[in-house]
Amino acid sequence: MRTDILDLHRFYESPLGAAARDFIAARLAEAWGEAARLRVAGFGYASPFLSAFDAAERVLHLAPDAQGAMRWPADGRNLTALVDEAFWPLPDVSIDRLLIVHGLEEASAPRRLMREAWRVLANGGRVIIVAAHRRGLWSMVETTPFAAGRPWLKRQLDALLAETMFRPLAWSGALYFPPYGARFLLRAAAAWERAGSRLWPGLSGVLMVEAAKELLAPVGQVQRARRLVAGPLRPRPAQPAASRAKGAP
């Protein structure tokens, strides 16, 4: 089971969620800027962060079918597709940058998910994973979606990347401020972030890792993935608001 799309949407519309979005987005901007002339995709619930890549050649949001989807962006052509978490309706080597947020913690098969990420990334392509940190307070407070599913340790993410043919390039973290929506805490959130990144970097609420696709992949697994996605699978456009709670596919 995955966190429902409406719960994710409500969280990021709240003052606490907006603060979390801003601090994570700042780290993403440091890594990729506006992703000018690149093909960008997000998996999980990445839509709050994809609007920053307005200089990209193309942007697509892939929403896991067990989570549900909402139309994104709200205005203009819909760029969200509802997909199986392990079989994405994208051609091989078709994406330059991939952002995974709220995607790995509740994945039924994280290794298969990352092999699919490997398949769609172009040679030289990069992925950023934003994952709840097991040692951070955010994974322990159930009022936020970062407490859902399996939180990760750095060594666990490192092992997963190695197993699925990715090479870590840079590690960082975000969300050092307490995961509570009290106004006085939110007013001090920026100070918490600055202090946390310097004084207790191992206690971030989320781990963030940028990794590059390695080209020497296990041949048998790559061929299997290609066979499985070569059929008539097509993206299913999201409705204005769809969720499991309302009978979404």
Foldseek 3Di string as FASTA:
>chain_A
DAAAPVLQVVQCVALLNVLQLVFVLVVVCVVQNLVAQFFEEEEDPCQSNNVRNPRYPYYAYEHEQQHADAFPPPDDDGRYFYDHLLADLAQFQAGQEYEYESRQQADPDNLSNLLSVLGRHHAFHKYKYKAFAPQAQLLVDPSHSNVPGHGDHPVVVCVSCVQNAKAWDDKFAAAQQHSDDDPVSSVCRVVSGVCCRPPPRRHGRIIMTMITGHDPGDVVVSVVSCVVNVDPDDTDGHDNGDIVVVPRD
